[in-house]
Amino acid sequence: MDNDTKLVLPEILKSQDVAKSRLVTVEAIDLKFSNGELRTYEKIKGAGRGAVLIVPMLDDETIILIREYCAGTHSYQLGFPKGLIDPGEQASEAANRELQEEIGFAATEIDYIHKVSLAPAFFNATMELFVARGLYESRLEGDEPEPLQVVHWKLKDYQQLLAQPDFTEARSITALMLLLDRIKG
């Protein structure tokens, strides 16, 4: 198939929820592809609200990360503040709220970096990445079960950050690399 071939989305013949927990719903979708092939795919239904991840810059040389418990790996991971967009909230508003909840700062400047998808073969979820500058102290109550460890890191030492055994989340690494590209021009 060459780059000029027009792709036709498969026809959804049927969809049904096949499993549900407090946090996720698994949906099975029966599909018919343009070549007549029939398949059933399972995917996690997304809430459709989206999420944000923010790279807070204390100054031109210092970024702020958090270390928090991650149930999926049963470990503490180092990454950037993040969270869901609340109903009726703009992504940039969610970013500023999450900063206040997770690191105790708000920002005067929140700039969009990029939108990423998370495991699109299995999950309809997107995350908008931002950089926050002009930080000032402001705290909101968050939903974390314990205080998050706040870590300051010099941007010039980003390679040492990439070497940290607990800095493995692809979304945080992506945001860091996109920020570095943006700074380099």
N, C-alpha and C. Protein backbone atom coordinates (compact mmCIF):
# COMPACT_ATOMS: atom_id res chain seq x y z
N MET A 1 0.86 -1.18 0.00
CA MET A 1 0.00 0.00 0.00
C MET A 1 0.90 1.23 0.00
N ASP A 2 0.65 2.15 -0.93
CA ASP A 2 1.45 3.36 -0.96
C ASP A 2 0.79 4.46 -0.12
N ASN A 3 1.50 5.55 0.03
CA ASN A 3 1.03 6.66 0.87
C ASN A 3 -0.21 7.35 0.33
N ASP A 4 -0.50 7.16 -0.96
CA ASP A 4 -1.65 7.84 -1.57
C ASP A 4 -2.94 7.02 -1.49
N THR A 5 -2.86 5.77 -1.05
CA THR A 5 -4.04 4.93 -0.97
C THR A 5 -4.97 5.44 0.12
N LYS A 6 -6.23 5.64 -0.24
CA LYS A 6 -7.22 6.13 0.73
C LYS A 6 -7.67 4.96 1.60
N LEU A 7 -7.54 5.11 2.89
CA LEU A 7 -7.99 4.09 3.83
C LEU A 7 -9.46 4.31 4.17
N VAL A 8 -10.20 3.22 4.24
CA VAL A 8 -11.61 3.27 4.60
C VAL A 8 -11.78 2.63 5.96
N LEU A 9 -12.36 3.35 6.89
CA LEU A 9 -12.57 2.80 8.22
C LEU A 9 -13.47 1.58 8.16
N PRO A 10 -13.20 0.57 8.99
CA PRO A 10 -14.08 -0.59 9.02
C PRO A 10 -15.48 -0.20 9.50
N GLU A 11 -16.47 -0.96 9.05
CA GLU A 11 -17.85 -0.75 9.48
C GLU A 11 -18.05 -1.45 10.82
N ILE A 12 -18.62 -0.73 11.78
CA ILE A 12 -18.93 -1.33 13.08
C ILE A 12 -20.28 -2.02 12.94
N LEU A 13 -20.26 -3.34 13.06
CA LEU A 13 -21.48 -4.13 12.93
C LEU A 13 -22.23 -4.23 14.25
N LYS A 14 -21.47 -4.30 15.35
CA LYS A 14 -22.08 -4.46 16.66
C LYS A 14 -21.05 -4.08 17.71
N SER A 15 -21.53 -3.51 18.81
CA SER A 15 -20.63 -3.26 19.95
C SER A 15 -21.40 -3.59 21.22
N GLN A 16 -20.67 -4.14 22.18
CA GLN A 16 -21.30 -4.44 23.46
C GLN A 16 -20.25 -4.44 24.56
N ASP A 17 -20.68 -4.04 25.74
CA ASP A 17 -19.80 -4.08 26.91
C ASP A 17 -19.68 -5.53 27.35
N VAL A 18 -18.43 -5.99 27.53
CA VAL A 18 -18.21 -7.39 27.93
C VAL A 18 -17.63 -7.54 29.33
N ALA A 19 -17.14 -6.44 29.90
CA ALA A 19 -16.61 -6.47 31.27
C ALA A 19 -16.62 -5.06 31.81
N LYS A 20 -16.84 -4.96 33.12
CA LYS A 20 -16.91 -3.64 33.73
C LYS A 20 -16.39 -3.72 35.16
N SER A 21 -15.59 -2.73 35.52
CA SER A 21 -15.14 -2.58 36.90
C SER A 21 -15.47 -1.16 37.33
N ARG A 22 -15.02 -0.81 38.50
CA ARG A 22 -15.25 0.55 38.99
C ARG A 22 -14.54 1.58 38.11
N LEU A 23 -13.43 1.20 37.49
CA LEU A 23 -12.62 2.15 36.73
C LEU A 23 -12.74 2.02 35.22
N VAL A 24 -12.96 0.82 34.71
CA VAL A 24 -12.94 0.63 33.26
C VAL A 24 -14.09 -0.23 32.77
N THR A 25 -14.43 -0.03 31.51
CA THR A 25 -15.39 -0.87 30.81
C THR A 25 -14.70 -1.40 29.56
N VAL A 26 -14.77 -2.71 29.36
CA VAL A 26 -14.22 -3.32 28.17
C VAL A 26 -15.35 -3.52 27.18
N GLU A 27 -15.13 -3.06 25.97
CA GLU A 27 -16.13 -3.14 24.91
C GLU A 27 -15.62 -4.04 23.80
N ALA A 28 -16.46 -4.94 23.30
CA ALA A 28 -16.14 -5.75 22.13
C ALA A 28 -16.85 -5.12 20.94
N ILE A 29 -16.10 -4.93 19.85
CA ILE A 29 -16.71 -4.39 18.64
C ILE A 29 -16.48 -5.35 17.48
N ASP A 30 -17.57 -5.69 16.81
CA ASP A 30 -17.51 -6.54 15.62
C ASP A 30 -17.36 -5.62 14.42
N LEU A 31 -16.33 -5.88 13.62
CA LEU A 31 -15.99 -5.00 12.51
C LEU A 31 -15.99 -5.75 11.18
N LYS A 32 -16.33 -5.02 10.14
CA LYS A 32 -16.20 -5.53 8.77
C LYS A 32 -15.27 -4.57 8.03
N PHE A 33 -14.13 -5.10 7.58
CA PHE A 33 -13.15 -4.28 6.87
C PHE A 33 -13.52 -4.16 5.40
N SER A 34 -12.93 -3.19 4.70
CA SER A 34 -13.28 -2.91 3.31
C SER A 34 -13.02 -4.10 2.38
N ASN A 35 -12.14 -5.01 2.79
CA ASN A 35 -11.87 -6.21 1.97
C ASN A 35 -12.79 -7.37 2.34
N GLY A 36 -13.78 -7.12 3.21
CA GLY A 36 -14.75 -8.14 3.60
C GLY A 36 -14.36 -8.94 4.83
N GLU A 37 -13.15 -8.74 5.34
CA GLU A 37 -12.67 -9.47 6.52
C GLU A 37 -13.48 -9.05 7.74
N LEU A 38 -13.90 -10.04 8.55
CA LEU A 38 -14.64 -9.79 9.79
C LEU A 38 -13.73 -10.05 10.98
N ARG A 39 -13.76 -9.17 11.96
CA ARG A 39 -12.96 -9.32 13.17
C ARG A 39 -13.71 -8.74 14.36
N THR A 40 -13.39 -9.27 15.54
CA THR A 40 -13.87 -8.70 16.79
C THR A 40 -12.67 -8.14 17.53
N TYR A 41 -12.74 -6.87 17.90
CA TYR A 41 -11.70 -6.21 18.67
C TYR A 41 -12.27 -5.91 20.05
N GLU A 42 -11.40 -5.96 21.06
CA GLU A 42 -11.78 -5.51 22.39
C GLU A 42 -10.95 -4.28 22.72
N LYS A 43 -11.62 -3.32 23.35
CA LYS A 43 -10.94 -2.09 23.73
C LYS A 43 -11.51 -1.58 25.04
N ILE A 44 -10.73 -0.78 25.69
CA ILE A 44 -11.18 -0.12 26.92
C ILE A 44 -11.90 1.15 26.50
N LYS A 45 -13.12 1.32 26.96
CA LYS A 45 -13.88 2.53 26.65
C LYS A 45 -13.27 3.71 27.41
N GLY A 46 -13.04 4.79 26.72
CA GLY A 46 -12.54 5.99 27.38
C GLY A 46 -13.69 6.87 27.84
N ALA A 47 -13.41 7.70 28.82
CA ALA A 47 -14.43 8.62 29.31
C ALA A 47 -14.63 9.77 28.35
N GLY A 48 -13.66 9.97 27.46
CA GLY A 48 -13.78 11.01 26.45
C GLY A 48 -13.43 12.41 26.93
N ARG A 49 -13.04 12.55 28.19
CA ARG A 49 -12.73 13.88 28.72
C ARG A 49 -11.32 14.32 28.37
N GLY A 50 -10.41 13.38 28.21
CA GLY A 50 -9.03 13.73 27.96
C GLY A 50 -8.29 13.99 29.25
N ALA A 51 -6.99 14.18 29.11
CA ALA A 51 -6.13 14.40 30.26
C ALA A 51 -5.02 15.38 29.87
N VAL A 52 -4.32 15.84 30.88
CA VAL A 52 -3.22 16.78 30.67
C VAL A 52 -1.98 16.30 31.41
N LEU A 53 -0.83 16.68 30.89
CA LEU A 53 0.45 16.49 31.57
C LEU A 53 1.20 17.80 31.41
N ILE A 54 1.82 18.25 32.49
CA ILE A 54 2.43 19.57 32.51
C ILE A 54 3.89 19.48 32.91
N VAL A 55 4.76 20.15 32.15
CA VAL A 55 6.17 20.29 32.52
C VAL A 55 6.30 21.66 33.18
N PRO A 56 6.35 21.70 34.52
CA PRO A 56 6.49 22.99 35.21
C PRO A 56 7.95 23.44 35.21
N MET A 57 8.18 24.70 34.84
CA MET A 57 9.52 25.27 34.84
C MET A 57 9.60 26.32 35.94
N LEU A 58 10.36 26.00 36.97
CA LEU A 58 10.55 26.92 38.08
C LEU A 58 11.27 28.18 37.61
N ASP A 59 12.22 27.99 36.72
CA ASP A 59 12.94 29.07 36.04
C ASP A 59 13.41 28.48 34.71
N ASP A 60 14.24 29.21 33.97
CA ASP A 60 14.66 28.74 32.65
C ASP A 60 15.54 27.49 32.71
N GLU A 61 16.03 27.16 33.90
CA GLU A 61 16.97 26.04 34.03
C GLU A 61 16.44 24.88 34.86
N THR A 62 15.28 25.04 35.53
CA THR A 62 14.82 24.04 36.49
C THR A 62 13.40 23.58 36.19
N ILE A 63 13.23 22.26 36.08
CA ILE A 63 11.90 21.68 35.92
C ILE A 63 11.49 21.04 37.23
N ILE A 64 10.18 20.86 37.41
CA ILE A 64 9.67 20.24 38.63
C ILE A 64 8.96 18.94 38.24
N LEU A 65 9.31 17.87 38.94
CA LEU A 65 8.69 16.57 38.75
C LEU A 65 8.05 16.14 40.06
N ILE A 66 7.27 15.07 39.98
CA ILE A 66 6.70 14.46 41.18
C ILE A 66 7.04 12.98 41.18
N ARG A 67 7.13 12.45 42.37
CA ARG A 67 7.28 11.00 42.52
C ARG A 67 6.01 10.53 43.23
N GLU A 68 5.29 9.60 42.56
CA GLU A 68 4.02 9.13 43.12
C GLU A 68 3.87 7.64 42.91
N TYR A 69 3.00 7.04 43.71
CA TYR A 69 2.72 5.62 43.62
C TYR A 69 1.93 5.33 42.34
N CYS A 70 2.33 4.27 41.64
CA CYS A 70 1.66 3.83 40.41
C CYS A 70 1.24 2.38 40.60
N ALA A 71 -0.06 2.14 40.66
CA ALA A 71 -0.59 0.80 40.93
C ALA A 71 -0.25 -0.19 39.81
N GLY A 72 -0.19 0.28 38.56
CA GLY A 72 0.08 -0.62 37.44
C GLY A 72 1.40 -1.33 37.55
N THR A 73 2.41 -0.66 38.09
CA THR A 73 3.74 -1.26 38.26
C THR A 73 4.06 -1.53 39.73
N HIS A 74 3.13 -1.19 40.62
CA HIS A 74 3.34 -1.31 42.07
C HIS A 74 4.71 -0.75 42.45
N SER A 75 4.89 0.52 42.06
CA SER A 75 6.17 1.19 42.33
C SER A 75 5.93 2.69 42.42
N TYR A 76 6.94 3.38 42.91
CA TYR A 76 6.92 4.84 42.86
C TYR A 76 7.65 5.26 41.59
N GLN A 77 7.02 6.16 40.84
CA GLN A 77 7.57 6.62 39.58
C GLN A 77 7.75 8.13 39.59
N LEU A 78 8.82 8.55 38.93
CA LEU A 78 9.12 9.97 38.77
C LEU A 78 8.54 10.42 37.44
N GLY A 79 7.79 11.52 37.45
CA GLY A 79 7.20 12.03 36.23
C GLY A 79 6.69 13.44 36.45
N PHE A 80 5.96 13.93 35.48
CA PHE A 80 5.42 15.28 35.56
C PHE A 80 3.99 15.25 36.09
N PRO A 81 3.51 16.35 36.66
CA PRO A 81 2.12 16.42 37.13
C PRO A 81 1.16 16.15 35.97
N LYS A 82 0.06 15.45 36.29
CA LYS A 82 -0.90 15.08 35.25
C LYS A 82 -2.24 14.79 35.88
N GLY A 83 -3.27 14.75 35.05
CA GLY A 83 -4.59 14.41 35.55
C GLY A 83 -5.65 14.57 34.49
N LEU A 84 -6.86 14.15 34.83
CA LEU A 84 -7.99 14.22 33.92
C LEU A 84 -8.53 15.65 33.81
N ILE A 85 -9.12 15.93 32.66
CA ILE A 85 -9.82 17.20 32.47
C ILE A 85 -11.23 17.02 33.03
N ASP A 86 -11.62 17.88 33.95
CA ASP A 86 -12.94 17.80 34.56
C ASP A 86 -14.01 18.27 33.56
N PRO A 87 -15.25 17.78 33.70
CA PRO A 87 -16.33 18.23 32.81
C PRO A 87 -16.46 19.75 32.82
N GLY A 88 -16.56 20.35 31.62
CA GLY A 88 -16.70 21.79 31.49
C GLY A 88 -15.41 22.57 31.59
N GLU A 89 -14.30 21.90 31.80
CA GLU A 89 -13.01 22.55 32.00
C GLU A 89 -12.21 22.53 30.69
N GLN A 90 -11.52 23.60 30.38
CA GLN A 90 -10.60 23.63 29.25
C GLN A 90 -9.31 22.92 29.66
N ALA A 91 -8.59 22.38 28.69
CA ALA A 91 -7.35 21.65 29.00
C ALA A 91 -6.35 22.52 29.75
N SER A 92 -6.19 23.77 29.35
CA SER A 92 -5.24 24.66 30.03
C SER A 92 -5.67 24.94 31.47
N GLU A 93 -6.98 25.00 31.72
CA GLU A 93 -7.48 25.17 33.09
C GLU A 93 -7.18 23.93 33.92
N ALA A 94 -7.37 22.76 33.32
CA ALA A 94 -7.05 21.51 34.02
C ALA A 94 -5.56 21.46 34.35
N ALA A 95 -4.74 21.92 33.43
CA ALA A 95 -3.29 21.93 33.66
C ALA A 95 -2.94 22.80 34.87
N ASN A 96 -3.53 23.99 34.93
CA ASN A 96 -3.24 24.89 36.05
C ASN A 96 -3.78 24.32 37.37
N ARG A 97 -4.95 23.69 37.32
CA ARG A 97 -5.50 23.06 38.53
C ARG A 97 -4.60 21.93 39.02
N GLU A 98 -4.17 21.06 38.10
CA GLU A 98 -3.31 19.94 38.48
C GLU A 98 -1.99 20.41 39.09
N LEU A 99 -1.43 21.49 38.56
CA LEU A 99 -0.21 22.05 39.14
C LEU A 99 -0.43 22.41 40.61
N GLN A 100 -1.55 23.06 40.88
CA GLN A 100 -1.84 23.50 42.25
C GLN A 100 -2.09 22.32 43.17
N GLU A 101 -2.74 21.29 42.65
CA GLU A 101 -3.03 20.10 43.46
C GLU A 101 -1.78 19.27 43.73
N GLU A 102 -0.89 19.18 42.74
CA GLU A 102 0.22 18.23 42.85
C GLU A 102 1.55 18.84 43.29
N ILE A 103 1.81 20.11 42.93
CA ILE A 103 3.10 20.69 43.34
C ILE A 103 2.97 21.97 44.14
N GLY A 104 1.75 22.47 44.33
CA GLY A 104 1.55 23.68 45.13
C GLY A 104 1.92 24.97 44.42
N PHE A 105 1.87 24.96 43.09
CA PHE A 105 2.13 26.15 42.30
C PHE A 105 1.04 26.31 41.25
N ALA A 106 0.76 27.55 40.88
CA ALA A 106 -0.04 27.87 39.70
C ALA A 106 0.91 28.55 38.72
N ALA A 107 0.46 28.75 37.49
CA ALA A 107 1.32 29.35 36.47
C ALA A 107 0.62 30.53 35.82
N THR A 108 1.41 31.55 35.49
CA THR A 108 0.88 32.68 34.74
C THR A 108 0.90 32.40 33.24
N GLU A 109 1.68 31.40 32.83
CA GLU A 109 1.82 31.09 31.41
C GLU A 109 1.76 29.57 31.23
N ILE A 110 0.79 29.11 30.47
CA ILE A 110 0.66 27.68 30.18
C ILE A 110 0.59 27.54 28.66
N ASP A 111 1.62 26.94 28.09
CA ASP A 111 1.72 26.82 26.64
C ASP A 111 1.55 25.37 26.20
N TYR A 112 0.75 25.19 25.18
CA TYR A 112 0.49 23.88 24.59
C TYR A 112 1.75 23.39 23.88
N ILE A 113 2.08 22.10 24.08
CA ILE A 113 3.21 21.49 23.39
C ILE A 113 2.72 20.56 22.28
N HIS A 114 1.89 19.57 22.67
CA HIS A 114 1.49 18.54 21.70
C HIS A 114 0.39 17.68 22.30
N LYS A 115 -0.33 16.99 21.46
CA LYS A 115 -1.33 16.02 21.92
C LYS A 115 -0.81 14.62 21.59
N VAL A 116 -0.91 13.70 22.55
CA VAL A 116 -0.48 12.32 22.33
C VAL A 116 -1.63 11.38 22.63
N SER A 117 -1.58 10.22 22.01
CA SER A 117 -2.58 9.19 22.30
C SER A 117 -1.91 8.08 23.10
N LEU A 118 -2.71 7.38 23.87
CA LEU A 118 -2.19 6.33 24.74
C LEU A 118 -2.72 4.99 24.25
N ALA A 119 -1.84 4.13 23.78
CA ALA A 119 -2.20 2.79 23.32
C ALA A 119 -3.48 2.80 22.47
N PRO A 120 -3.47 3.51 21.32
CA PRO A 120 -4.69 3.68 20.55
C PRO A 120 -5.31 2.38 20.02
N ALA A 121 -4.56 1.31 19.98
CA ALA A 121 -5.13 0.04 19.54
C ALA A 121 -6.11 -0.53 20.58
N PHE A 122 -5.96 -0.10 21.83
CA PHE A 122 -6.76 -0.68 22.91
C PHE A 122 -7.53 0.34 23.74
N PHE A 123 -7.26 1.63 23.53
CA PHE A 123 -7.75 2.62 24.48
C PHE A 123 -7.99 3.93 23.75
N ASN A 124 -9.18 4.51 23.88
CA ASN A 124 -9.48 5.79 23.28
C ASN A 124 -9.18 6.88 24.30
N ALA A 125 -7.91 7.24 24.41
CA ALA A 125 -7.51 8.25 25.39
C ALA A 125 -6.43 9.14 24.80
N THR A 126 -6.58 10.43 25.03
CA THR A 126 -5.58 11.39 24.58
C THR A 126 -5.11 12.22 25.77
N MET A 127 -3.91 12.76 25.64
CA MET A 127 -3.35 13.61 26.68
C MET A 127 -2.73 14.82 26.00
N GLU A 128 -3.05 15.99 26.51
CA GLU A 128 -2.48 17.22 26.00
C GLU A 128 -1.30 17.61 26.89
N LEU A 129 -0.16 17.86 26.25
CA LEU A 129 1.07 18.20 26.96
C LEU A 129 1.25 19.72 26.96
N PHE A 130 1.65 20.24 28.12
CA PHE A 130 1.84 21.68 28.29
C PHE A 130 3.17 21.95 28.99
N VAL A 131 3.69 23.15 28.82
CA VAL A 131 4.78 23.66 29.64
C VAL A 131 4.22 24.84 30.42
N ALA A 132 4.57 24.91 31.71
CA ALA A 132 4.07 25.98 32.58
C ALA A 132 5.25 26.83 33.07
N ARG A 133 5.08 28.14 32.93
CA ARG A 133 6.11 29.09 33.40
C ARG A 133 5.43 30.15 34.25
N GLY A 134 6.25 30.96 34.88
CA GLY A 134 5.72 32.02 35.73
C GLY A 134 5.01 31.43 36.94
N LEU A 135 5.67 30.46 37.58
CA LEU A 135 5.05 29.77 38.71
C LEU A 135 5.01 30.65 39.95
N TYR A 136 3.91 30.53 40.68
CA TYR A 136 3.77 31.20 41.97
C TYR A 136 3.02 30.26 42.91
N GLU A 137 3.29 30.39 44.20
CA GLU A 137 2.70 29.47 45.18
C GLU A 137 1.19 29.60 45.22
N SER A 138 0.53 28.44 45.10
CA SER A 138 -0.92 28.36 45.18
C SER A 138 -1.27 26.89 45.30
N ARG A 139 -1.99 26.53 46.34
CA ARG A 139 -2.27 25.12 46.59
C ARG A 139 -3.77 24.86 46.58
N LEU A 140 -4.15 23.76 45.91
CA LEU A 140 -5.51 23.25 45.94
C LEU A 140 -5.47 21.82 46.47
N GLU A 141 -6.56 21.40 47.10
CA GLU A 141 -6.66 20.03 47.60
C GLU A 141 -6.79 19.07 46.41
N GLY A 142 -5.94 18.05 46.39
CA GLY A 142 -5.98 17.06 45.32
C GLY A 142 -6.63 15.77 45.78
N ASP A 143 -6.60 14.77 44.93
CA ASP A 143 -7.22 13.48 45.27
C ASP A 143 -6.20 12.39 45.54
N GLU A 144 -4.94 12.75 45.69
CA GLU A 144 -3.91 11.75 45.96
C GLU A 144 -4.06 11.23 47.39
N PRO A 145 -3.78 9.92 47.58
CA PRO A 145 -3.94 9.32 48.91
C PRO A 145 -2.82 9.68 49.89
N GLU A 146 -1.71 10.22 49.37
CA GLU A 146 -0.59 10.62 50.23
C GLU A 146 0.11 11.80 49.57
N PRO A 147 0.86 12.57 50.34
CA PRO A 147 1.58 13.70 49.74
C PRO A 147 2.56 13.20 48.66
N LEU A 148 2.64 13.94 47.57
CA LEU A 148 3.56 13.59 46.49
C LEU A 148 4.93 14.19 46.79
N GLN A 149 5.97 13.45 46.43
CA GLN A 149 7.31 13.97 46.58
C GLN A 149 7.59 14.89 45.39
N VAL A 150 7.97 16.14 45.68
CA VAL A 150 8.27 17.12 44.64
C VAL A 150 9.78 17.15 44.43
N VAL A 151 10.21 17.03 43.16
CA VAL A 151 11.63 16.93 42.83
C VAL A 151 11.98 18.03 41.83
N HIS A 152 13.00 18.82 42.15
CA HIS A 152 13.50 19.84 41.22
C HIS A 152 14.68 19.23 40.46
N TRP A 153 14.75 19.51 39.15
CA TRP A 153 15.80 18.92 38.32
C TRP A 153 16.30 19.99 37.35
N LYS A 154 17.61 20.09 37.23
CA LYS A 154 18.20 21.03 36.27
C LYS A 154 18.02 20.48 34.87
N LEU A 155 17.51 21.29 33.99
CA LEU A 155 17.23 20.86 32.62
C LEU A 155 18.50 20.42 31.90
N LYS A 156 19.63 21.05 32.21
CA LYS A 156 20.89 20.67 31.57
C LYS A 156 21.29 19.23 31.92
N ASP A 157 20.73 18.69 33.00
CA ASP A 157 21.04 17.33 33.44
C ASP A 157 19.97 16.33 32.98
N TYR A 158 19.30 16.63 31.87
CA TYR A 158 18.21 15.77 31.41
C TYR A 158 18.65 14.35 31.10
N GLN A 159 19.89 14.16 30.66
CA GLN A 159 20.35 12.80 30.36
C GLN A 159 20.44 11.95 31.63
N GLN A 160 20.79 12.58 32.74
CA GLN A 160 20.79 11.87 34.02
C GLN A 160 19.37 11.53 34.45
N LEU A 161 18.42 12.41 34.14
CA LEU A 161 17.02 12.13 34.43
C LEU A 161 16.56 10.92 33.61
N LEU A 162 16.90 10.88 32.33
CA LEU A 162 16.53 9.75 31.48
C LEU A 162 17.14 8.43 31.97
N ALA A 163 18.24 8.52 32.69
CA ALA A 163 18.91 7.31 33.21
C ALA A 163 18.32 6.85 34.55
N GLN A 164 17.44 7.64 35.15
CA GLN A 164 16.86 7.26 36.44
C GLN A 164 15.99 6.02 36.26
N PRO A 165 16.14 5.02 37.13
CA PRO A 165 15.35 3.80 36.98
C PRO A 165 13.85 3.99 37.21
N ASP A 166 13.46 5.10 37.85
CA ASP A 166 12.03 5.34 38.09
C ASP A 166 11.45 6.42 37.17
N PHE A 167 12.22 6.85 36.18
CA PHE A 167 11.71 7.81 35.18
C PHE A 167 11.52 7.03 33.88
N THR A 168 10.40 6.30 33.80
CA THR A 168 10.19 5.39 32.66
C THR A 168 8.90 5.65 31.91
N GLU A 169 8.04 6.52 32.40
CA GLU A 169 6.75 6.73 31.76
C GLU A 169 6.93 7.44 30.42
N ALA A 170 6.42 6.82 29.36
CA ALA A 170 6.60 7.33 28.01
C ALA A 170 6.04 8.75 27.84
N ARG A 171 4.92 9.05 28.49
CA ARG A 171 4.34 10.39 28.35
C ARG A 171 5.26 11.46 28.92
N SER A 172 5.88 11.19 30.06
CA SER A 172 6.80 12.16 30.65
C SER A 172 8.06 12.30 29.81
N ILE A 173 8.58 11.19 29.31
CA ILE A 173 9.77 11.25 28.46
C ILE A 173 9.46 12.02 27.18
N THR A 174 8.31 11.76 26.59
CA THR A 174 7.89 12.48 25.38
C THR A 174 7.81 13.98 25.64
N ALA A 175 7.17 14.37 26.74
CA ALA A 175 7.04 15.79 27.07
C ALA A 175 8.40 16.44 27.26
N LEU A 176 9.31 15.75 27.94
CA LEU A 176 10.65 16.28 28.17
C LEU A 176 11.37 16.50 26.84
N MET A 177 11.32 15.51 25.95
CA MET A 177 12.03 15.62 24.69
C MET A 177 11.42 16.71 23.80
N LEU A 178 10.10 16.82 23.79
CA LEU A 178 9.45 17.88 23.01
C LEU A 178 9.80 19.26 23.56
N LEU A 179 9.88 19.38 24.89
CA LEU A 179 10.29 20.64 25.50
C LEU A 179 11.71 20.99 25.10
N LEU A 180 12.61 20.02 25.17
CA LEU A 180 14.01 20.28 24.78
C LEU A 180 14.11 20.71 23.33
N ASP A 181 13.35 20.08 22.44
CA ASP A 181 13.33 20.49 21.03
C ASP A 181 12.85 21.92 20.88
N ARG A 182 11.81 22.26 21.65
CA ARG A 182 11.23 23.60 21.59
C ARG A 182 12.26 24.64 22.07
N ILE A 183 12.97 24.33 23.14
CA ILE A 183 13.96 25.26 23.69
C ILE A 183 15.11 25.45 22.71
N LYS A 184 15.53 24.37 22.06
CA LYS A 184 16.65 24.46 21.09
C LYS A 184 16.24 25.20 19.83
N GLY A 185 14.92 25.36 19.60
CA GLY A 185 14.42 26.09 18.46
C GLY A 185 14.33 25.22 17.24
